């Protein structure tokens, strides 16, 4: 059975959407040399120990659940894997020559979606990989955060919280990937605007094994620490209108948005929209209806 890992509809529902029914299909024995991984697979690392466990199981009992493949374009006897790359890799490690498979027609879009959805079911998935998977679905399939939420059975705030992680500095994202920071700590750090301060706090949180509450307190102390004396300035506290506007724009663009007033000229200011990659920038430009072609 497939482990849906809380994905709501999960990969089985996706197969149903694509008219894939493993219970009523003909199962073929395909040569492993004729198979290649899904070209849209975002996953590049497979846990070695987990693969060894699966390899031992296949050596002893074989492959019970067929993998799902499509024919490679322009080839009569070569195939690309839609789902089941771990079984394929473990079968090779076990010295098998063939593997049970179901052949289905699938578009490039379906291939990409299946790869991302299957990737989301990994037990060892870290928050950055999960965020990148959501971002891939949005940018490659040109769908909104709400549509991703609906497909996966997750709330929009849940998806949004993960997508915001992509705006963290690379050093901090690496710490999150290595499980040196928790999801809660990373979300707390998002409130720190200065990159160098954010990185410093992330390292301190890891080195001192801070709880989220302790990290929040550290950020509060940082905000209230005395600064070098400067000329008196107007309060920088944002009005409820600006904060509400920021929230609306963050919902619309599914990324961090900041609005600030121009203190020297009343009624003016600037809006900053963060993006996590070139694809993310293109997605935002599409929302703004800007075509640079």
Protein backbone atom coordinates (compact mmCIF):
# COMPACT_ATOMS: atom_id res chain seq x y z
CA UNK A 1 0.00 0.00 0.00
CA UNK A 2 1.13 3.54 -0.71
CA UNK A 3 1.82 5.70 2.32
CA UNK A 4 0.02 9.01 1.79
CA UNK A 5 1.93 10.69 4.65
CA UNK A 6 -0.94 13.12 5.28
CA UNK A 7 -1.17 14.30 1.71
CA UNK A 8 -4.95 14.06 1.66
CA UNK A 9 -5.70 12.84 -1.86
CA UNK A 10 -2.17 11.49 -2.28
CA UNK A 11 -0.58 9.77 -5.22
CA UNK A 12 -3.37 7.21 -5.54
CA UNK A 13 -5.85 10.01 -6.19
CA UNK A 14 -3.49 11.48 -8.76
CA UNK A 15 -3.33 8.12 -10.52
CA UNK A 16 -7.12 8.06 -10.54
CA UNK A 17 -7.14 11.55 -12.05
CA UNK A 18 -4.88 10.30 -14.82
CA UNK A 19 -6.96 7.14 -15.32
CA UNK A 20 -4.26 4.90 -13.82
CA UNK A 21 -5.66 1.84 -12.06
CA UNK A 22 -2.99 -0.63 -10.96
CA UNK A 23 -5.65 -3.24 -10.11
CA UNK A 24 -7.03 -3.60 -13.64
CA UNK A 25 -3.93 -3.10 -15.79
CA UNK A 26 -1.79 -5.73 -17.51
CA UNK A 27 1.46 -6.20 -15.63
CA UNK A 28 4.53 -6.70 -17.83
CA UNK A 29 8.03 -7.89 -16.93
CA UNK A 30 10.36 -5.20 -18.31
CA UNK A 31 14.14 -5.36 -18.52
CA UNK A 32 15.83 -2.94 -16.14
CA UNK A 33 18.26 -1.92 -18.91
CA UNK A 34 15.30 -0.56 -20.88
CA UNK A 35 14.17 1.75 -18.08
CA UNK A 36 15.26 5.25 -17.13
CA UNK A 37 14.17 7.55 -14.25
CA UNK A 38 11.46 10.15 -14.62
CA UNK A 39 13.21 13.11 -16.35
CA UNK A 40 11.15 15.50 -14.20
CA UNK A 41 12.12 13.85 -10.90
CA UNK A 42 13.14 16.66 -8.48
CA UNK A 43 14.65 14.17 -6.05
CA UNK A 44 18.38 13.60 -6.45
CA UNK A 45 19.22 11.90 -3.14
CA UNK A 46 17.92 8.48 -2.08
CA UNK A 47 18.57 7.30 1.48
CA UNK A 48 21.25 4.61 1.23
CA UNK A 49 20.13 2.64 4.29
CA UNK A 50 16.49 2.62 3.19
CA UNK A 51 17.53 1.44 -0.29
CA UNK A 52 19.61 -1.36 1.25
CA UNK A 53 16.60 -2.48 3.30
CA UNK A 54 14.41 -2.50 0.19
CA UNK A 55 17.13 -4.35 -1.75
CA UNK A 56 17.24 -7.13 0.86
CA UNK A 57 13.44 -7.40 0.72
CA UNK A 58 13.50 -7.69 -3.09
CA UNK A 59 16.29 -10.25 -2.97
CA UNK A 60 14.16 -12.36 -0.65
CA UNK A 61 10.62 -11.83 -1.94
CA UNK A 62 10.78 -9.90 -5.23
CA UNK A 63 8.79 -6.80 -6.18
CA UNK A 64 5.15 -7.06 -5.15
CA UNK A 65 3.89 -3.68 -6.37
CA UNK A 66 4.51 -2.96 -10.08
CA UNK A 67 6.20 0.28 -11.03
CA UNK A 68 4.39 2.55 -13.51
CA UNK A 69 6.10 3.63 -16.73
CA UNK A 70 5.47 5.30 -20.05
CA UNK A 71 7.15 4.61 -23.38
CA UNK A 72 10.07 6.85 -24.16
CA UNK A 73 9.24 9.17 -27.06
CA UNK A 74 10.59 7.78 -30.32
CA UNK A 75 11.42 4.35 -28.87
CA UNK A 76 9.52 1.07 -29.08
CA UNK A 77 11.15 -0.80 -26.20
CA UNK A 78 12.47 1.85 -23.80
CA UNK A 79 10.50 3.36 -20.94
CA UNK A 80 10.57 6.21 -18.43
CA UNK A 81 9.49 5.63 -14.83
CA UNK A 82 6.41 7.52 -13.66
CA UNK A 83 6.38 6.05 -10.15
CA UNK A 84 8.52 3.49 -8.38
CA UNK A 85 12.09 4.69 -8.86
CA UNK A 86 13.15 3.32 -5.46
CA UNK A 87 11.94 -0.17 -6.44
CA UNK A 88 13.80 0.21 -9.74
CA UNK A 89 17.04 1.23 -8.01
CA UNK A 90 16.75 -1.49 -5.37
CA UNK A 91 16.06 -4.12 -8.05
CA UNK A 92 19.28 -3.13 -9.82
CA UNK A 93 21.18 -3.35 -6.53
CA UNK A 94 19.63 -6.79 -5.95
CA UNK A 95 20.97 -7.95 -9.32
CA UNK A 96 17.54 -8.40 -10.87
CA UNK A 97 17.20 -8.29 -14.65
CA UNK A 98 13.47 -7.52 -14.87
CA UNK A 99 10.79 -5.74 -12.85
CA UNK A 100 6.96 -5.88 -12.98
CA UNK A 101 5.55 -2.75 -14.58
CA UNK A 102 2.37 -1.18 -15.89
CA UNK A 103 2.68 0.86 -19.09
CA UNK A 104 0.55 3.98 -19.29
CA UNK A 105 0.27 7.02 -21.52
CA UNK A 106 1.22 10.21 -19.68
CA UNK A 107 1.98 13.76 -20.76
CA UNK A 108 5.08 15.64 -19.65
CA UNK A 109 2.86 17.63 -17.27
CA UNK A 110 1.51 14.46 -15.69
CA UNK A 111 5.04 13.04 -15.43
CA UNK A 112 6.23 16.13 -13.61
CA UNK A 113 3.23 16.22 -11.29
CA UNK A 114 3.54 12.54 -10.40
CA UNK A 115 7.26 12.96 -9.68
CA UNK A 116 6.64 15.89 -7.35
CA UNK A 117 3.71 14.20 -5.62
CA UNK A 118 5.67 10.99 -5.08
CA UNK A 119 8.59 13.04 -3.79
CA UNK A 120 6.30 14.68 -1.21
CA UNK A 121 5.57 11.27 0.31
CA UNK A 122 9.16 10.64 1.38
CA UNK A 123 9.62 9.95 5.08
CA UNK A 124 12.95 11.85 5.12
CA UNK A 125 11.63 14.95 3.35
CA UNK A 126 13.00 18.13 4.96
CA UNK A 127 11.09 21.46 5.04
CA UNK A 128 13.11 23.06 2.22
CA UNK A 129 12.56 20.08 -0.09
CA UNK A 130 8.85 20.20 0.72
CA UNK A 131 8.74 23.95 0.01
CA UNK A 132 10.57 23.46 -3.28
CA UNK A 133 8.11 20.73 -4.26
CA UNK A 134 5.16 23.10 -3.70
CA UNK A 135 6.95 25.84 -5.64
CA UNK A 136 7.65 23.42 -8.50
CA UNK A 137 3.97 22.50 -8.75
CA UNK A 138 3.01 26.16 -8.87
CA UNK A 139 5.61 27.30 -11.40
CA UNK A 140 5.77 24.30 -13.72
CA UNK A 141 2.03 23.63 -13.82
CA UNK A 142 1.14 27.34 -13.68
CA UNK A 143 -1.30 26.83 -10.82
CA UNK A 144 -2.06 28.96 -7.79
CA UNK A 145 -1.34 28.31 -4.14
CA UNK A 146 -5.05 27.64 -3.64
CA UNK A 147 -4.97 24.95 -6.34
CA UNK A 148 -1.92 23.30 -4.77
CA UNK A 149 -3.74 23.38 -1.44
CA UNK A 150 -6.79 21.72 -2.98
CA UNK A 151 -4.80 19.02 -4.79
CA UNK A 152 -2.84 18.02 -1.71
CA UNK A 153 -5.56 18.41 0.89
CA UNK A 154 -3.47 20.97 2.78
CA UNK A 155 -4.61 24.38 4.04
CA UNK A 156 -3.43 27.51 2.25
CA UNK A 157 -1.62 28.81 5.37
CA UNK A 158 0.23 25.49 5.59
CA UNK A 159 1.46 25.80 1.97
CA UNK A 160 2.24 29.51 2.42
CA UNK A 161 4.33 28.88 5.54
CA UNK A 162 6.53 26.43 3.64
CA UNK A 163 6.87 28.66 0.58
CA UNK A 164 8.06 31.53 2.80
CA UNK A 165 11.05 29.40 3.83
CA UNK A 166 12.45 29.76 0.31
CA UNK A 167 13.12 33.43 1.08
CA UNK A 168 15.60 32.55 3.85
CA UNK A 169 19.34 33.07 3.24
CA UNK A 170 21.11 30.08 1.66
CA UNK A 171 23.12 29.41 4.84
CA UNK A 172 19.95 29.13 6.90
CA UNK A 173 18.19 26.96 4.32
CA UNK A 174 21.19 24.62 4.43
CA UNK A 175 20.85 24.38 8.22
CA UNK A 176 17.16 23.55 7.83
CA UNK A 177 18.01 20.90 5.22
CA UNK A 178 20.51 19.32 7.63
CA UNK A 179 17.91 19.32 10.44
CA UNK A 180 20.00 21.77 12.44
CA UNK A 181 16.92 24.00 12.70
CA UNK A 182 13.26 23.09 13.13
CA UNK A 183 10.39 24.36 11.02
CA UNK A 184 9.22 26.45 14.00
CA UNK A 185 12.64 28.04 14.44
CA UNK A 186 12.88 28.83 10.72
CA UNK A 187 9.44 30.48 10.71
CA UNK A 188 10.45 32.56 13.74
CA UNK A 189 13.64 33.71 12.00
CA UNK A 190 11.62 35.03 9.06
CA UNK A 191 10.73 38.06 11.19
CA UNK A 192 14.39 39.16 11.21
CA UNK A 193 14.89 41.55 8.31
CA UNK A 194 18.68 41.91 8.30
CA UNK A 195 20.39 38.96 6.62
CA UNK A 196 23.55 39.00 8.76
CA UNK A 197 21.53 39.15 11.98
CA UNK A 198 19.26 36.35 10.78
CA UNK A 199 22.21 34.06 9.98
CA UNK A 200 23.88 34.87 13.30
CA UNK A 201 20.69 34.06 15.22
CA UNK A 202 20.19 30.81 13.29
CA UNK A 203 23.68 29.63 14.22
CA UNK A 204 23.15 30.67 17.84
CA UNK A 205 19.82 28.81 17.98
CA UNK A 206 21.54 25.66 16.73
CA UNK A 207 24.63 25.93 18.94
CA UNK A 208 22.60 26.64 22.08
CA UNK A 209 19.75 24.23 21.18
CA UNK A 210 17.21 26.99 21.69
CA UNK A 211 13.49 26.32 21.82
CA UNK A 212 11.22 28.38 19.57
CA UNK A 213 10.15 30.45 22.56
CA UNK A 214 13.77 31.15 23.51
CA UNK A 215 14.51 32.20 19.96
CA UNK A 216 11.48 34.50 19.94
CA UNK A 217 12.77 36.10 23.15
CA UNK A 218 16.22 36.52 21.59
CA UNK A 219 14.67 38.32 18.62
CA UNK A 220 12.63 40.54 20.94
CA UNK A 221 15.80 41.48 22.83
CA UNK A 222 17.55 42.22 19.56
CA UNK A 223 14.75 44.54 18.50
CA UNK A 224 14.79 46.41 21.82
CA UNK A 225 18.59 46.59 22.23
CA UNK A 226 20.03 50.14 22.36
CA UNK A 227 21.29 51.55 19.11
CA UNK A 228 23.77 54.28 18.34
CA UNK A 229 22.22 57.66 18.89
CA UNK A 230 20.81 59.18 15.77
CA UNK A 231 18.65 62.11 14.94
CA UNK A 232 15.12 61.75 16.23
CA UNK A 233 13.00 59.83 13.76
CA UNK A 234 9.33 59.39 13.32
CA UNK A 235 7.88 56.13 14.52
CA UNK A 236 8.40 53.31 12.01
CA UNK A 237 5.45 51.34 13.32
CA UNK A 238 3.25 50.38 10.41
CA UNK A 239 -0.38 51.34 10.35
CA UNK A 240 -3.08 48.64 10.44
CA UNK A 241 -3.86 49.56 6.81
CA UNK A 242 -0.29 48.85 5.66
CA UNK A 243 -0.12 45.58 7.57
CA UNK A 244 -3.47 44.47 6.13
CA UNK A 245 -2.28 45.45 2.65
CA UNK A 246 0.92 43.42 3.11
CA UNK A 247 -1.13 40.38 4.11
CA UNK A 248 -3.40 40.76 1.08
CA UNK A 249 -0.42 41.01 -1.28
CA UNK A 250 1.33 38.06 0.35
CA UNK A 251 -1.82 36.01 -0.27
CA UNK A 252 -1.96 37.16 -3.88
CA UNK A 253 1.72 36.60 -4.74
CA UNK A 254 2.30 33.70 -2.31
CA UNK A 255 5.57 35.20 -1.13
CA UNK A 256 6.92 37.76 1.34
CA UNK A 257 5.80 41.36 0.64
CA UNK A 258 6.89 44.49 2.51
CA UNK A 259 5.35 47.98 2.27
CA UNK A 260 7.18 50.97 3.75
CA UNK A 261 6.45 54.70 3.91
CA UNK A 262 8.78 57.40 2.60
CA UNK A 263 9.48 59.53 5.68
CA UNK A 264 10.71 62.51 3.66
CA UNK A 265 7.70 62.77 1.39
CA UNK A 266 4.27 62.09 2.81
CA UNK A 267 2.01 59.78 0.82
CA UNK A 268 4.86 57.95 -0.94
CA UNK A 269 6.70 54.72 -0.23
CA UNK A 270 7.75 51.43 -1.76
CA UNK A 271 6.56 47.85 -2.10
CA UNK A 272 9.10 45.00 -2.01
CA UNK A 273 8.15 41.56 -3.36
CA UNK A 274 10.52 38.67 -2.61
CA UNK A 275 11.10 35.77 -5.00
CA UNK A 276 12.96 32.50 -4.46
CA UNK A 277 14.12 31.62 -7.98
CA UNK A 278 13.94 32.66 -11.64
CA UNK A 279 10.84 30.48 -12.03
CA UNK A 280 9.29 32.16 -9.00
CA UNK A 281 10.02 35.59 -10.49
CA UNK A 282 8.37 34.57 -13.76
CA UNK A 283 5.33 33.35 -11.80
CA UNK A 284 5.02 36.73 -10.05
CA UNK A 285 5.42 38.60 -13.35
CA UNK A 286 2.60 36.49 -14.82
CA UNK A 287 0.36 37.48 -11.91
CA UNK A 288 1.23 41.13 -12.65
CA UNK A 289 0.47 40.43 -16.31
CA UNK A 290 3.97 41.52 -17.36
CA UNK A 291 5.35 39.86 -20.48
CA UNK A 292 9.06 40.43 -21.10
CA UNK A 293 9.19 38.38 -24.34
